[in-house]
Amino acid sequence: MSETIVATPPAEDLRYPVGKWDRQPAADAAAVIAAIETIEAMPARLRAAVAGLDDAQLDTPYRPGGWTVRQLVHHVADSHLNAYVRCKLALTEERPAIKTYEEKLWAELPEARIAPVEVSLRLLEALHERWVLLLRVLGETELDRPYVHPEMGDMPLRAMLGMYAWHSRHHVAHVTALRQRQGW
């Protein structure tokens, strides 16, 4: 009887399963449409990625030293809520300076460690439905409106769309890669 050895990918691969985000400051119309479609599909993809996982599996880190699957799901909701608000600020104010948040500390708060993932999955479904309704009607002028990020500078909405499309793929891939490695 032979023993099957499953190699663990390098830590960088576990942290960035779809690669690191590459800021593209001037996305064309096709890239904007693709980003919106990715953002629209993310809640269903995340729901499918966690479907059938029990509490022990949800409380498994997606990588050594990383968040649990449960924390990751709640992080995505926190992050995308912030993105939605930033989008609205950029559309209603001139170059608003946004506030960052301590995402690592948010993921350590009690509800992020114990709340059922269903709470954040439902939140993401409603949030993304509303967000996509807004995004689909934006014209070129609106897509060029920036908010000012304290670490990244001006962030036009078209660049933000690329970032959150990547963020959507990034975190779904954390879960699906873990499931594949664990044979879940």
C-alpha atoms as a PDB file:
ATOM      1  CA  MET A   1       0.000   0.000   0.000  1.00  0.00           C
ATOM      2  CA  SER A   2       1.488   3.326  -1.032  1.00  0.00           C
ATOM      3  CA  GLU A   3       1.064   6.481   0.968  1.00  0.00           C
ATOM      4  CA  THR A   4      -0.248   9.505  -0.889  1.00  0.00           C
ATOM      5  CA  ILE A   5       1.699  12.642  -0.104  1.00  0.00           C
ATOM      6  CA  VAL A   6      -0.003  15.937  -0.811  1.00  0.00           C
ATOM      7  CA  ALA A   7       2.477  18.734  -1.243  1.00  0.00           C
ATOM      8  CA  THR A   8       1.576  22.006   0.405  1.00  0.00           C
ATOM      9  CA  PRO A   9       2.042  24.922  -1.975  1.00  0.00           C
ATOM     10  CA  PRO A  10       4.517  27.629  -0.971  1.00  0.00           C
ATOM     11  CA  ALA A  11       3.119  30.146   1.554  1.00  0.00           C
ATOM     12  CA  GLU A  12       2.973  32.848  -1.134  1.00  0.00           C
ATOM     13  CA  ASP A  13       0.707  30.640  -3.254  1.00  0.00           C
ATOM     14  CA  LEU A  14      -1.550  29.996  -0.262  1.00  0.00           C
ATOM     15  CA  ARG A  15      -1.757  33.714   0.520  1.00  0.00           C
ATOM     16  CA  TYR A  16      -2.314  34.832  -3.086  1.00  0.00           C
ATOM     17  CA  PRO A  17      -3.987  31.947  -4.925  1.00  0.00           C
ATOM     18  CA  VAL A  18      -4.958  34.180  -7.865  1.00  0.00           C
ATOM     19  CA  GLY A  19      -1.798  36.304  -7.699  1.00  0.00           C
ATOM     20  CA  LYS A  20      -1.296  39.706  -6.127  1.00  0.00           C
ATOM     21  CA  TRP A  21      -3.503  42.608  -7.112  1.00  0.00           C
ATOM     22  CA  ASP A  22      -2.049  44.621  -9.961  1.00  0.00           C
ATOM     23  CA  ARG A  23      -3.468  48.164  -9.970  1.00  0.00           C
ATOM     24  CA  GLN A  24      -4.623  49.052 -13.436  1.00  0.00           C
ATOM     25  CA  PRO A  25      -5.379  52.793 -13.378  1.00  0.00           C
ATOM     26  CA  ALA A  26      -7.132  53.060 -16.747  1.00  0.00           C
ATOM     27  CA  ALA A  27      -9.390  50.061 -17.233  1.00  0.00           C
ATOM     28  CA  ASP A  28     -11.220  50.062 -20.552  1.00  0.00           C
ATOM     29  CA  ALA A  29     -14.973  49.519 -20.948  1.00  0.00           C
ATOM     30  CA  ALA A  30     -14.594  45.753 -21.371  1.00  0.00           C
ATOM     31  CA  ALA A  31     -12.508  45.505 -18.188  1.00  0.00           C
ATOM     32  CA  VAL A  32     -15.097  47.552 -16.284  1.00  0.00           C
ATOM     33  CA  ILE A  33     -17.906  45.256 -17.454  1.00  0.00           C
ATOM     34  CA  ALA A  34     -15.872  42.161 -16.541  1.00  0.00           C
ATOM     35  CA  ALA A  35     -15.091  43.569 -13.084  1.00  0.00           C
ATOM     36  CA  ILE A  36     -18.762  44.345 -12.442  1.00  0.00           C
ATOM     37  CA  GLU A  37     -19.734  40.824 -13.528  1.00  0.00           C
ATOM     38  CA  THR A  38     -17.149  39.350 -11.145  1.00  0.00           C
ATOM     39  CA  ILE A  39     -18.430  41.511  -8.290  1.00  0.00           C
ATOM     40  CA  GLU A  40     -21.999  40.513  -9.133  1.00  0.00           C
ATOM     41  CA  ALA A  41     -21.169  36.793  -9.120  1.00  0.00           C
ATOM     42  CA  MET A  42     -19.055  36.817  -5.942  1.00  0.00           C
ATOM     43  CA  PRO A  43     -21.817  36.211  -3.353  1.00  0.00           C
ATOM     44  CA  ALA A  44     -23.008  33.090  -5.174  1.00  0.00           C
ATOM     45  CA  ARG A  45     -19.438  31.883  -5.688  1.00  0.00           C
ATOM     46  CA  LEU A  46     -18.578  32.397  -2.030  1.00  0.00           C
ATOM     47  CA  ARG A  47     -21.792  30.660  -0.952  1.00  0.00           C
ATOM     48  CA  ALA A  48     -20.927  27.700  -3.200  1.00  0.00           C
ATOM     49  CA  ALA A  49     -17.351  27.635  -1.867  1.00  0.00           C
ATOM     50  CA  VAL A  50     -18.520  27.244   1.748  1.00  0.00           C
ATOM     51  CA  ALA A  51     -21.565  25.062   1.031  1.00  0.00           C
ATOM     52  CA  GLY A  52     -21.734  21.986   3.228  1.00  0.00           C
ATOM     53  CA  LEU A  53     -18.818  22.920   5.493  1.00  0.00           C
ATOM     54  CA  ASP A  54     -19.360  22.068   9.142  1.00  0.00           C
ATOM     55  CA  ASP A  55     -18.285  24.244  12.061  1.00  0.00           C
ATOM     56  CA  ALA A  56     -14.915  22.519  12.410  1.00  0.00           C
ATOM     57  CA  GLN A  57     -14.189  23.114   8.731  1.00  0.00           C
ATOM     58  CA  LEU A  58     -15.386  26.736   8.941  1.00  0.00           C
ATOM     59  CA  ASP A  59     -13.032  27.210  11.876  1.00  0.00           C
ATOM     60  CA  THR A  60     -10.043  25.918   9.901  1.00  0.00           C
ATOM     61  CA  PRO A  61      -7.487  28.512   8.757  1.00  0.00           C
ATOM     62  CA  TYR A  62      -7.236  28.710   4.983  1.00  0.00           C
ATOM     63  CA  ARG A  63      -3.431  28.819   5.398  1.00  0.00           C
ATOM     64  CA  PRO A  64      -0.996  28.575   8.304  1.00  0.00           C
ATOM     65  CA  GLY A  65      -1.263  31.822  10.256  1.00  0.00           C
ATOM     66  CA  GLY A  66      -4.285  32.915   8.230  1.00  0.00           C
ATOM     67  CA  TRP A  67      -7.898  33.553   9.059  1.00  0.00           C
ATOM     68  CA  THR A  68     -10.380  30.762   9.459  1.00  0.00           C
ATOM     69  CA  VAL A  69     -12.888  30.268   6.673  1.00  0.00           C
ATOM     70  CA  ARG A  70     -15.514  31.808   8.973  1.00  0.00           C
ATOM     71  CA  GLN A  71     -13.380  34.916   9.591  1.00  0.00           C
ATOM     72  CA  LEU A  72     -12.670  35.168   5.874  1.00  0.00           C
ATOM     73  CA  VAL A  73     -16.388  35.189   4.985  1.00  0.00           C
ATOM     74  CA  HIS A  74     -17.059  37.900   7.561  1.00  0.00           C
ATOM     75  CA  HIS A  75     -14.009  39.852   6.326  1.00  0.00           C
ATOM     76  CA  VAL A  76     -15.369  39.886   2.779  1.00  0.00           C
ATOM     77  CA  ALA A  77     -18.644  41.360   4.048  1.00  0.00           C
ATOM     78  CA  ASP A  78     -16.777  43.996   6.069  1.00  0.00           C
ATOM     79  CA  SER A  79     -14.513  44.863   3.166  1.00  0.00           C
ATOM     80  CA  HIS A  80     -17.246  45.081   0.559  1.00  0.00           C
ATOM     81  CA  LEU A  81     -19.419  47.212   2.840  1.00  0.00           C
ATOM     82  CA  ASN A  82     -16.514  49.633   3.047  1.00  0.00           C
ATOM     83  CA  ALA A  83     -16.064  49.502  -0.728  1.00  0.00           C
ATOM     84  CA  TYR A  84     -19.730  50.302  -1.335  1.00  0.00           C
ATOM     85  CA  VAL A  85     -19.567  53.310   0.991  1.00  0.00           C
ATOM     86  CA  ARG A  86     -16.331  54.498  -0.631  1.00  0.00           C
ATOM     87  CA  CYS A  87     -17.968  54.245  -4.038  1.00  0.00           C
ATOM     88  CA  LYS A  88     -20.920  56.362  -2.891  1.00  0.00           C
ATOM     89  CA  LEU A  89     -18.581  58.909  -1.309  1.00  0.00           C
ATOM     90  CA  ALA A  90     -16.606  59.235  -4.552  1.00  0.00           C
ATOM     91  CA  LEU A  91     -19.822  59.826  -6.478  1.00  0.00           C
ATOM     92  CA  THR A  92     -21.204  62.464  -4.105  1.00  0.00           C
ATOM     93  CA  GLU A  93     -18.119  64.349  -2.886  1.00  0.00           C
ATOM     94  CA  GLU A  94     -15.039  65.842  -4.526  1.00  0.00           C
ATOM     95  CA  ARG A  95     -12.058  63.554  -3.903  1.00  0.00           C
ATOM     96  CA  PRO A  96     -13.197  62.460  -0.450  1.00  0.00           C
ATOM     97  CA  ALA A  97     -10.476  61.244   1.871  1.00  0.00           C
ATOM     98  CA  ILE A  98     -11.521  57.836   3.102  1.00  0.00           C
ATOM     99  CA  LYS A  99     -10.613  56.234   6.380  1.00  0.00           C
ATOM    100  CA  THR A 100      -8.925  52.871   6.411  1.00  0.00           C
ATOM    101  CA  TYR A 101      -9.860  50.243   8.965  1.00  0.00           C
ATOM    102  CA  GLU A 102      -7.894  47.597  10.808  1.00  0.00           C
ATOM    103  CA  GLU A 103      -9.179  44.586   8.885  1.00  0.00           C
ATOM    104  CA  LYS A 104      -7.008  42.151  10.854  1.00  0.00           C
ATOM    105  CA  LEU A 105      -8.464  43.444  14.126  1.00  0.00           C
ATOM    106  CA  TRP A 106     -12.005  43.411  12.723  1.00  0.00           C
ATOM    107  CA  ALA A 107     -11.505  39.720  11.869  1.00  0.00           C
ATOM    108  CA  GLU A 108     -10.549  39.060  15.499  1.00  0.00           C
ATOM    109  CA  LEU A 109     -13.702  40.633  16.960  1.00  0.00           C
ATOM    110  CA  PRO A 110     -16.021  38.117  18.650  1.00  0.00           C
ATOM    111  CA  GLU A 111     -18.765  38.076  16.025  1.00  0.00           C
ATOM    112  CA  ALA A 112     -16.248  37.448  13.227  1.00  0.00           C
ATOM    113  CA  ARG A 113     -14.992  34.413  15.124  1.00  0.00           C
ATOM    114  CA  ILE A 114     -18.362  32.887  16.050  1.00  0.00           C
ATOM    115  CA  ALA A 115     -21.207  34.217  13.883  1.00  0.00           C
ATOM    116  CA  PRO A 116     -22.740  31.828  11.375  1.00  0.00           C
ATOM    117  CA  VAL A 117     -21.392  32.508   7.879  1.00  0.00           C
ATOM    118  CA  GLU A 118     -24.978  32.673   6.651  1.00  0.00           C
ATOM    119  CA  VAL A 119     -25.298  36.134   8.228  1.00  0.00           C
ATOM    120  CA  SER A 120     -22.520  37.545   6.043  1.00  0.00           C
ATOM    121  CA  LEU A 121     -23.563  35.548   2.978  1.00  0.00           C
ATOM    122  CA  ARG A 122     -27.042  37.131   3.101  1.00  0.00           C
ATOM    123  CA  LEU A 123     -25.508  40.548   3.693  1.00  0.00           C
ATOM    124  CA  LEU A 124     -23.226  40.122   0.678  1.00  0.00           C
ATOM    125  CA  GLU A 125     -26.116  39.037  -1.544  1.00  0.00           C
ATOM    126  CA  ALA A 126     -28.165  42.152  -0.711  1.00  0.00           C
ATOM    127  CA  LEU A 127     -25.148  44.465  -0.745  1.00  0.00           C
ATOM    128  CA  HIS A 128     -23.881  43.239  -4.103  1.00  0.00           C
ATOM    129  CA  GLU A 129     -27.341  43.436  -5.641  1.00  0.00           C
ATOM    130  CA  ARG A 130     -27.552  47.085  -4.629  1.00  0.00           C
ATOM    131  CA  TRP A 131     -23.906  47.849  -5.515  1.00  0.00           C
ATOM    132  CA  VAL A 132     -24.178  46.306  -8.984  1.00  0.00           C
ATOM    133  CA  LEU A 133     -27.366  48.278  -9.702  1.00  0.00           C
ATOM    134  CA  LEU A 134     -25.324  51.417  -9.103  1.00  0.00           C
ATOM    135  CA  LEU A 135     -22.201  50.265 -10.935  1.00  0.00           C
ATOM    136  CA  ARG A 136     -24.071  49.298 -14.111  1.00  0.00           C
ATOM    137  CA  VAL A 137     -25.373  52.834 -14.664  1.00  0.00           C
ATOM    138  CA  LEU A 138     -22.095  54.683 -14.176  1.00  0.00           C
ATOM    139  CA  GLY A 139     -20.694  56.525 -17.161  1.00  0.00           C
ATOM    140  CA  GLU A 140     -17.078  57.271 -18.005  1.00  0.00           C
ATOM    141  CA  THR A 141     -17.099  60.512 -16.010  1.00  0.00           C
ATOM    142  CA  GLU A 142     -18.391  58.783 -12.881  1.00  0.00           C
ATOM    143  CA  LEU A 143     -15.897  55.914 -13.263  1.00  0.00           C
ATOM    144  CA  ASP A 144     -13.075  58.456 -13.255  1.00  0.00           C
ATOM    145  CA  ARG A 145     -14.215  60.008  -9.949  1.00  0.00           C
ATOM    146  CA  PRO A 146     -11.708  59.170  -7.216  1.00  0.00           C
ATOM    147  CA  TYR A 147     -11.649  58.849  -3.512  1.00  0.00           C
ATOM    148  CA  VAL A 148      -8.341  59.464  -1.759  1.00  0.00           C
ATOM    149  CA  HIS A 149      -6.881  56.493   0.055  1.00  0.00           C
ATOM    150  CA  PRO A 150      -4.305  57.454   2.704  1.00  0.00           C
ATOM    151  CA  GLU A 151      -1.871  54.750   1.512  1.00  0.00           C
ATOM    152  CA  MET A 152      -2.709  54.418  -2.199  1.00  0.00           C
ATOM    153  CA  GLY A 153      -3.544  58.006  -3.142  1.00  0.00           C
ATOM    154  CA  ASP A 154      -6.252  58.761  -5.684  1.00  0.00           C
ATOM    155  CA  MET A 155      -8.374  55.699  -6.387  1.00  0.00           C
ATOM    156  CA  PRO A 156     -10.693  56.271  -9.360  1.00  0.00           C
ATOM    157  CA  LEU A 157     -13.759  54.050  -9.257  1.00  0.00           C
ATOM    158  CA  ARG A 158     -12.608  52.154 -12.339  1.00  0.00           C
ATOM    159  CA  ALA A 159      -9.428  51.142 -10.461  1.00  0.00           C
ATOM    160  CA  MET A 160     -11.481  50.299  -7.369  1.00  0.00           C
ATOM    161  CA  LEU A 161     -13.615  47.970  -9.503  1.00  0.00           C
ATOM    162  CA  GLY A 162     -10.507  46.087 -10.566  1.00  0.00           C
ATOM    163  CA  MET A 163      -9.360  45.823  -6.969  1.00  0.00           C
ATOM    164  CA  TYR A 164     -12.681  44.441  -5.705  1.00  0.00           C
ATOM    165  CA  ALA A 165     -13.050  42.051  -8.631  1.00  0.00           C
ATOM    166  CA  TRP A 166      -9.611  40.724  -7.675  1.00  0.00           C
ATOM    167  CA  HIS A 167     -10.608  40.693  -3.972  1.00  0.00           C
ATOM    168  CA  SER A 168     -13.682  38.641  -4.858  1.00  0.00           C
ATOM    169  CA  ARG A 169     -11.680  36.039  -6.794  1.00  0.00           C
ATOM    170  CA  HIS A 170      -8.886  36.089  -4.190  1.00  0.00           C
ATOM    171  CA  HIS A 171     -11.016  35.103  -1.203  1.00  0.00           C
ATOM    172  CA  VAL A 172     -13.209  32.593  -3.007  1.00  0.00           C
ATOM    173  CA  ALA A 173      -9.984  30.924  -4.154  1.00  0.00           C
ATOM    174  CA  HIS A 174      -8.750  30.768  -0.551  1.00  0.00           C
ATOM    175  CA  VAL A 175     -11.736  28.597   0.324  1.00  0.00           C
ATOM    176  CA  THR A 176     -11.773  26.465  -2.814  1.00  0.00           C
ATOM    177  CA  ALA A 177      -8.013  25.831  -2.596  1.00  0.00           C
ATOM    178  CA  LEU A 178      -8.347  24.800   1.071  1.00  0.00           C
ATOM    179  CA  ARG A 179     -11.201  22.448   0.205  1.00  0.00           C
ATOM    180  CA  GLN A 180      -9.123  20.902  -2.549  1.00  0.00           C
ATOM    181  CA  ARG A 181      -6.062  20.471  -0.304  1.00  0.00           C
ATOM    182  CA  GLN A 182      -8.189  18.951   2.480  1.00  0.00           C
ATOM    183  CA  GLY A 183     -10.296  16.791   0.182  1.00  0.00           C
ATOM    184  CA  TRP A 184     -13.531  18.365   1.447  1.00  0.00           C
END
